[in-house]
Amino acid sequence: MKKKKDDITKREADVLKLVVKGLGNKEIAKMLFITSHTVKAHLSQIYKKLGVTNRTAAAIKAEEIIRHQDLKRP
């Protein structure tokens, strides 16, 4: 499958999964062995790709995507 420019990267997905769990930037950084500045950079890209402006909206959108994918499975 060809990767599109607007696809969420593996690392962005890792960050987004932790946002959905309610973790803050410092906690995410510690768990992923990256800086909080890098977490913020990933979040900026995630917001742009999902068409949202904040972490709450990103978490809601992620949950909607997951729910939609689950409905597609047999």
PDB file of N, CA and C in Angstrom:
ATOM      1  N   MET A   1       0.841  -1.177   0.000  1.00  0.00           N
ATOM      2  CA  MET A   1       0.000   0.000   0.000  1.00  0.00           C
ATOM      3  C   MET A   1       0.889   1.245   0.000  1.00  0.00           C
ATOM      4  N   LYS A   2       0.584   2.174  -0.875  1.00  0.00           N
ATOM      5  CA  LYS A   2       1.382   3.392  -0.995  1.00  0.00           C
ATOM      6  C   LYS A   2       1.051   4.363   0.132  1.00  0.00           C
ATOM      7  N   LYS A   3       2.090   4.942   0.714  1.00  0.00           N
ATOM      8  CA  LYS A   3       1.912   5.887   1.814  1.00  0.00           C
ATOM      9  C   LYS A   3       1.621   7.273   1.251  1.00  0.00           C
ATOM     10  N   LYS A   4       0.558   7.891   1.760  1.00  0.00           N
ATOM     11  CA  LYS A   4       0.209   9.246   1.347  1.00  0.00           C
ATOM     12  C   LYS A   4       0.835  10.247   2.307  1.00  0.00           C
ATOM     13  N   LYS A   5       1.032  11.458   1.807  1.00  0.00           N
ATOM     14  CA  LYS A   5       1.641  12.523   2.603  1.00  0.00           C
ATOM     15  C   LYS A   5       0.865  12.794   3.891  1.00  0.00           C
ATOM     16  N   ASP A   6      -0.451  12.664   3.844  1.00  0.00           N
ATOM     17  CA  ASP A   6      -1.281  12.983   5.000  1.00  0.00           C
ATOM     18  C   ASP A   6      -1.518  11.800   5.935  1.00  0.00           C
ATOM     19  N   ASP A   7      -0.922  10.654   5.630  1.00  0.00           N
ATOM     20  CA  ASP A   7      -1.052   9.500   6.522  1.00  0.00           C
ATOM     21  C   ASP A   7      -0.303   9.755   7.824  1.00  0.00           C
ATOM     22  N   ILE A   8      -0.862   9.272   8.901  1.00  0.00           N
ATOM     23  CA  ILE A   8      -0.201   9.382  10.204  1.00  0.00           C
ATOM     24  C   ILE A   8       0.951   8.376  10.234  1.00  0.00           C
ATOM     25  N   THR A   9       2.106   8.829  10.662  1.00  0.00           N
ATOM     26  CA  THR A   9       3.262   7.941  10.745  1.00  0.00           C
ATOM     27  C   THR A   9       3.122   7.008  11.945  1.00  0.00           C
ATOM     28  N   LYS A  10       3.943   5.998  11.981  1.00  0.00           N
ATOM     29  CA  LYS A  10       3.934   5.051  13.112  1.00  0.00           C
ATOM     30  C   LYS A  10       4.179   5.798  14.425  1.00  0.00           C
ATOM     31  N   ARG A  11       5.151   6.691  14.428  1.00  0.00           N
ATOM     32  CA  ARG A  11       5.487   7.419  15.655  1.00  0.00           C
ATOM     33  C   ARG A  11       4.359   8.357  16.061  1.00  0.00           C
ATOM     34  N   GLU A  12       3.733   9.016  15.091  1.00  0.00           N
ATOM     35  CA  GLU A  12       2.593   9.870  15.401  1.00  0.00           C
ATOM     36  C   GLU A  12       1.456   9.038  15.987  1.00  0.00           C
ATOM     37  N   ALA A  13       1.258   7.846  15.450  1.00  0.00           N
ATOM     38  CA  ALA A  13       0.221   6.943  15.981  1.00  0.00           C
ATOM     39  C   ALA A  13       0.549   6.552  17.415  1.00  0.00           C
ATOM     40  N   ASP A  14       1.824   6.311  17.707  1.00  0.00           N
ATOM     41  CA  ASP A  14       2.237   5.986  19.080  1.00  0.00           C
ATOM     42  C   ASP A  14       1.870   7.132  20.026  1.00  0.00           C
ATOM     43  N   VAL A  15       2.169   8.353  19.603  1.00  0.00           N
ATOM     44  CA  VAL A  15       1.841   9.535  20.411  1.00  0.00           C
ATOM     45  C   VAL A  15       0.327   9.654  20.571  1.00  0.00           C
ATOM     46  N   LEU A  16      -0.404   9.503  19.483  1.00  0.00           N
ATOM     47  CA  LEU A  16      -1.860   9.656  19.510  1.00  0.00           C
ATOM     48  C   LEU A  16      -2.519   8.624  20.429  1.00  0.00           C
ATOM     49  N   LYS A  17      -2.035   7.395  20.409  1.00  0.00           N
ATOM     50  CA  LYS A  17      -2.582   6.356  21.294  1.00  0.00           C
ATOM     51  C   LYS A  17      -2.440   6.756  22.762  1.00  0.00           C
ATOM     52  N   LEU A  18      -1.318   7.387  23.098  1.00  0.00           N
ATOM     53  CA  LEU A  18      -1.088   7.803  24.485  1.00  0.00           C
ATOM     54  C   LEU A  18      -1.931   9.037  24.835  1.00  0.00           C
ATOM     55  N   VAL A  19      -2.168   9.897  23.854  1.00  0.00           N
ATOM     56  CA  VAL A  19      -3.063  11.045  24.064  1.00  0.00           C
ATOM     57  C   VAL A  19      -4.464  10.531  24.368  1.00  0.00           C
ATOM     58  N   VAL A  20      -4.912   9.534  23.605  1.00  0.00           N
ATOM     59  CA  VAL A  20      -6.240   8.953  23.818  1.00  0.00           C
ATOM     60  C   VAL A  20      -6.350   8.390  25.231  1.00  0.00           C
ATOM     61  N   LYS A  21      -5.249   7.847  25.755  1.00  0.00           N
ATOM     62  CA  LYS A  21      -5.248   7.300  27.115  1.00  0.00           C
ATOM     63  C   LYS A  21      -5.209   8.391  28.182  1.00  0.00           C
ATOM     64  N   GLY A  22      -5.045   9.658  27.750  1.00  0.00           N
ATOM     65  CA  GLY A  22      -5.085  10.766  28.693  1.00  0.00           C
ATOM     66  C   GLY A  22      -3.739  11.218  29.225  1.00  0.00           C
ATOM     67  N   LEU A  23      -2.648  10.727  28.644  1.00  0.00           N
ATOM     68  CA  LEU A  23      -1.326  11.120  29.126  1.00  0.00           C
ATOM     69  C   LEU A  23      -0.959  12.517  28.651  1.00  0.00           C
ATOM     70  N   GLY A  24      -0.167  13.211  29.448  1.00  0.00           N
ATOM     71  CA  GLY A  24       0.334  14.528  29.091  1.00  0.00           C
ATOM     72  C   GLY A  24       1.624  14.418  28.292  1.00  0.00           C
ATOM     73  N   ASN A  25       2.080  15.556  27.767  1.00  0.00           N
ATOM     74  CA  ASN A  25       3.273  15.563  26.921  1.00  0.00           C
ATOM     75  C   ASN A  25       4.510  15.008  27.618  1.00  0.00           C
ATOM     76  N   LYS A  26       4.725  15.380  28.869  1.00  0.00           N
ATOM     77  CA  LYS A  26       5.909  14.893  29.584  1.00  0.00           C
ATOM     78  C   LYS A  26       5.858  13.382  29.788  1.00  0.00           C
ATOM     79  N   GLU A  27       4.666  12.875  30.101  1.00  0.00           N
ATOM     80  CA  GLU A  27       4.506  11.423  30.292  1.00  0.00           C
ATOM     81  C   GLU A  27       4.733  10.681  28.972  1.00  0.00           C
ATOM     82  N   ILE A  28       4.191  11.234  27.896  1.00  0.00           N
ATOM     83  CA  ILE A  28       4.370  10.621  26.576  1.00  0.00           C
ATOM     84  C   ILE A  28       5.849  10.609  26.211  1.00  0.00           C
ATOM     85  N   ALA A  29       6.506  11.734  26.425  1.00  0.00           N
ATOM     86  CA  ALA A  29       7.933  11.839  26.108  1.00  0.00           C
ATOM     87  C   ALA A  29       8.739  10.780  26.862  1.00  0.00           C
ATOM     88  N   LYS A  30       8.447  10.641  28.130  1.00  0.00           N
ATOM     89  CA  LYS A  30       9.167   9.669  28.953  1.00  0.00           C
ATOM     90  C   LYS A  30       8.936   8.242  28.460  1.00  0.00           C
ATOM     91  N   MET A  31       7.697   7.914  28.132  1.00  0.00           N
ATOM     92  CA  MET A  31       7.367   6.559  27.686  1.00  0.00           C
ATOM     93  C   MET A  31       7.971   6.218  26.329  1.00  0.00           C
ATOM     94  N   LEU A  32       8.095   7.226  25.452  1.00  0.00           N
ATOM     95  CA  LEU A  32       8.598   6.981  24.102  1.00  0.00           C
ATOM     96  C   LEU A  32      10.080   7.332  23.945  1.00  0.00           C
ATOM     97  N   PHE A  33      10.699   7.765  25.038  1.00  0.00           N
ATOM     98  CA  PHE A  33      12.125   8.116  25.032  1.00  0.00           C
ATOM     99  C   PHE A  33      12.433   9.217  24.023  1.00  0.00           C
ATOM    100  N   ILE A  34      11.574  10.257  24.036  1.00  0.00           N
ATOM    101  CA  ILE A  34      11.766  11.436  23.206  1.00  0.00           C
ATOM    102  C   ILE A  34      11.573  12.663  24.086  1.00  0.00           C
ATOM    103  N   THR A  35      11.870  13.832  23.555  1.00  0.00           N
ATOM    104  CA  THR A  35      11.683  15.054  24.338  1.00  0.00           C
ATOM    105  C   THR A  35      10.237  15.533  24.246  1.00  0.00           C
ATOM    106  N   SER A  36       9.833  16.360  25.197  1.00  0.00           N
ATOM    107  CA  SER A  36       8.474  16.912  25.145  1.00  0.00           C
ATOM    108  C   SER A  36       8.325  17.826  23.929  1.00  0.00           C
ATOM    109  N   HIS A  37       9.429  18.439  23.492  1.00  0.00           N
ATOM    110  CA  HIS A  37       9.406  19.260  22.281  1.00  0.00           C
ATOM    111  C   HIS A  37       9.060  18.393  21.066  1.00  0.00           C
ATOM    112  N   THR A  38       9.600  17.193  21.003  1.00  0.00           N
ATOM    113  CA  THR A  38       9.301  16.272  19.905  1.00  0.00           C
ATOM    114  C   THR A  38       7.843  15.827  19.966  1.00  0.00           C
ATOM    115  N   VAL A  39       7.332  15.607  21.168  1.00  0.00           N
ATOM    116  CA  VAL A  39       5.912  15.261  21.320  1.00  0.00           C
ATOM    117  C   VAL A  39       5.061  16.384  20.745  1.00  0.00           C
ATOM    118  N   LYS A  40       5.386  17.632  21.078  1.00  0.00           N
ATOM    119  CA  LYS A  40       4.629  18.776  20.571  1.00  0.00           C
ATOM    120  C   LYS A  40       4.684  18.846  19.049  1.00  0.00           C
ATOM    121  N   ALA A  41       5.851  18.547  18.478  1.00  0.00           N
ATOM    122  CA  ALA A  41       5.996  18.554  17.018  1.00  0.00           C
ATOM    123  C   ALA A  41       5.110  17.473  16.388  1.00  0.00           C
ATOM    124  N   HIS A  42       5.115  16.291  16.983  1.00  0.00           N
ATOM    125  CA  HIS A  42       4.250  15.219  16.483  1.00  0.00           C
ATOM    126  C   HIS A  42       2.779  15.624  16.590  1.00  0.00           C
ATOM    127  N   LEU A  43       2.412  16.217  17.714  1.00  0.00           N
ATOM    128  CA  LEU A  43       1.020  16.641  17.899  1.00  0.00           C
ATOM    129  C   LEU A  43       0.606  17.679  16.868  1.00  0.00           C
ATOM    130  N   SER A  44       1.484  18.604  16.544  1.00  0.00           N
ATOM    131  CA  SER A  44       1.168  19.607  15.515  1.00  0.00           C
ATOM    132  C   SER A  44       0.861  18.944  14.185  1.00  0.00           C
ATOM    133  N   GLN A  45       1.664  17.951  13.825  1.00  0.00           N
ATOM    134  CA  GLN A  45       1.432  17.222  12.577  1.00  0.00           C
ATOM    135  C   GLN A  45       0.135  16.411  12.637  1.00  0.00           C
ATOM    136  N   ILE A  46      -0.113  15.784  13.780  1.00  0.00           N
ATOM    137  CA  ILE A  46      -1.335  15.005  13.975  1.00  0.00           C
ATOM    138  C   ILE A  46      -2.556  15.907  13.814  1.00  0.00           C
ATOM    139  N   TYR A  47      -2.537  17.074  14.464  1.00  0.00           N
ATOM    140  CA  TYR A  47      -3.667  18.005  14.377  1.00  0.00           C
ATOM    141  C   TYR A  47      -3.929  18.385  12.923  1.00  0.00           C
ATOM    142  N   LYS A  48      -2.857  18.702  12.196  1.00  0.00           N
ATOM    143  CA  LYS A  48      -2.990  19.106  10.804  1.00  0.00           C
ATOM    144  C   LYS A  48      -3.579  17.963   9.972  1.00  0.00           C
ATOM    145  N   LYS A  49      -3.061  16.766  10.160  1.00  0.00           N
ATOM    146  CA  LYS A  49      -3.510  15.614   9.371  1.00  0.00           C
ATOM    147  C   LYS A  49      -4.949  15.205   9.690  1.00  0.00           C
ATOM    148  N   LEU A  50      -5.352  15.377  10.946  1.00  0.00           N
ATOM    149  CA  LEU A  50      -6.719  15.017  11.343  1.00  0.00           C
ATOM    150  C   LEU A  50      -7.706  16.160  11.150  1.00  0.00           C
ATOM    151  N   GLY A  51      -7.187  17.355  10.888  1.00  0.00           N
ATOM    152  CA  GLY A  51      -8.056  18.516  10.704  1.00  0.00           C
ATOM    153  C   GLY A  51      -8.676  19.002  11.997  1.00  0.00           C
ATOM    154  N   VAL A  52      -7.895  18.945  13.085  1.00  0.00           N
ATOM    155  CA  VAL A  52      -8.364  19.388  14.396  1.00  0.00           C
ATOM    156  C   VAL A  52      -7.411  20.438  14.944  1.00  0.00           C
ATOM    157  N   THR A  53      -7.784  21.044  16.076  1.00  0.00           N
ATOM    158  CA  THR A  53      -6.950  22.114  16.626  1.00  0.00           C
ATOM    159  C   THR A  53      -6.442  21.852  18.045  1.00  0.00           C
ATOM    160  N   ASN A  54      -6.858  20.727  18.643  1.00  0.00           N
ATOM    161  CA  ASN A  54      -6.399  20.463  20.006  1.00  0.00           C
ATOM    162  C   ASN A  54      -6.390  18.969  20.310  1.00  0.00           C
ATOM    163  N   ARG A  55      -5.792  18.611  21.449  1.00  0.00           N
ATOM    164  CA  ARG A  55      -5.615  17.187  21.785  1.00  0.00           C
ATOM    165  C   ARG A  55      -6.930  16.477  22.066  1.00  0.00           C
ATOM    166  N   THR A  56      -7.901  17.189  22.632  1.00  0.00           N
ATOM    167  CA  THR A  56      -9.195  16.564  22.888  1.00  0.00           C
ATOM    168  C   THR A  56      -9.872  16.184  21.572  1.00  0.00           C
ATOM    169  N   ALA A  57      -9.865  17.107  20.631  1.00  0.00           N
ATOM    170  CA  ALA A  57     -10.463  16.830  19.322  1.00  0.00           C
ATOM    171  C   ALA A  57      -9.698  15.712  18.609  1.00  0.00           C
ATOM    172  N   ALA A  58      -8.386  15.683  18.761  1.00  0.00           N
ATOM    173  CA  ALA A  58      -7.574  14.620  18.146  1.00  0.00           C
ATOM    174  C   ALA A  58      -7.930  13.263  18.747  1.00  0.00           C
ATOM    175  N   ALA A  59      -8.113  13.218  20.051  1.00  0.00           N
ATOM    176  CA  ALA A  59      -8.469  11.963  20.720  1.00  0.00           C
ATOM    177  C   ALA A  59      -9.849  11.482  20.270  1.00  0.00           C
ATOM    178  N   ILE A  60     -10.785  12.408  20.164  1.00  0.00           N
ATOM    179  CA  ILE A  60     -12.138  12.050  19.710  1.00  0.00           C
ATOM    180  C   ILE A  60     -12.097  11.534  18.277  1.00  0.00           C
ATOM    181  N   LYS A  61     -11.361  12.222  17.424  1.00  0.00           N
ATOM    182  CA  LYS A  61     -11.240  11.811  16.026  1.00  0.00           C
ATOM    183  C   LYS A  61     -10.579  10.433  15.935  1.00  0.00           C
ATOM    184  N   ALA A  62      -9.565  10.193  16.738  1.00  0.00           N
ATOM    185  CA  ALA A  62      -8.886   8.890  16.748  1.00  0.00           C
ATOM    186  C   ALA A  62      -9.861   7.789  17.148  1.00  0.00           C
ATOM    187  N   GLU A  63     -10.651   8.043  18.167  1.00  0.00           N
ATOM    188  CA  GLU A  63     -11.652   7.062  18.601  1.00  0.00           C
ATOM    189  C   GLU A  63     -12.664   6.784  17.495  1.00  0.00           C
ATOM    190  N   GLU A  64     -13.082   7.823  16.773  1.00  0.00           N
ATOM    191  CA  GLU A  64     -14.028   7.653  15.666  1.00  0.00           C
ATOM    192  C   GLU A  64     -13.421   6.792  14.565  1.00  0.00           C
ATOM    193  N   ILE A  65     -12.157   7.039  14.243  1.00  0.00           N
ATOM    194  CA  ILE A  65     -11.462   6.264  13.207  1.00  0.00           C
ATOM    195  C   ILE A  65     -11.362   4.802  13.623  1.00  0.00           C
ATOM    196  N   ILE A  66     -10.994   4.572  14.869  1.00  0.00           N
ATOM    197  CA  ILE A  66     -10.866   3.200  15.377  1.00  0.00           C
ATOM    198  C   ILE A  66     -12.219   2.499  15.325  1.00  0.00           C
ATOM    199  N   ARG A  67     -13.269   3.183  15.770  1.00  0.00           N
ATOM    200  CA  ARG A  67     -14.612   2.617  15.763  1.00  0.00           C
ATOM    201  C   ARG A  67     -15.037   2.272  14.340  1.00  0.00           C
ATOM    202  N   HIS A  68     -14.751   3.172  13.407  1.00  0.00           N
ATOM    203  CA  HIS A  68     -15.108   2.955  12.007  1.00  0.00           C
ATOM    204  C   HIS A  68     -14.365   1.747  11.441  1.00  0.00           C
ATOM    205  N   GLN A  69     -13.081   1.608  11.773  1.00  0.00           N
ATOM    206  CA  GLN A  69     -12.286   0.468  11.297  1.00  0.00           C
ATOM    207  C   GLN A  69     -12.820  -0.837  11.889  1.00  0.00           C
ATOM    208  N   ASP A  70     -13.222  -0.794  13.145  1.00  0.00           N
ATOM    209  CA  ASP A  70     -13.774  -2.003  13.786  1.00  0.00           C
ATOM    210  C   ASP A  70     -15.068  -2.433  13.101  1.00  0.00           C
ATOM    211  N   LEU A  71     -15.861  -1.481  12.633  1.00  0.00           N
ATOM    212  CA  LEU A  71     -17.121  -1.804  11.970  1.00  0.00           C
ATOM    213  C   LEU A  71     -16.886  -2.448  10.613  1.00  0.00           C
ATOM    214  N   LYS A  72     -15.747  -2.147   9.987  1.00  0.00           N
ATOM    215  CA  LYS A  72     -15.423  -2.710   8.677  1.00  0.00           C
ATOM    216  C   LYS A  72     -14.988  -4.166   8.784  1.00  0.00           C
ATOM    217  N   ARG A  73     -14.499  -4.570   9.939  1.00  0.00           N
ATOM    218  CA  ARG A  73     -13.995  -5.939  10.104  1.00  0.00           C
ATOM    219  C   ARG A  73     -15.151  -6.924  10.145  1.00  0.00           C
ATOM    220  N   PRO A  74     -14.936  -8.107   9.553  1.00  0.00           N
ATOM    221  CA  PRO A  74     -16.010  -9.122   9.557  1.00  0.00           C
ATOM    222  C   PRO A  74     -16.256  -9.696  10.938  1.00  0.00           C
TER     223      PRO A  74
END
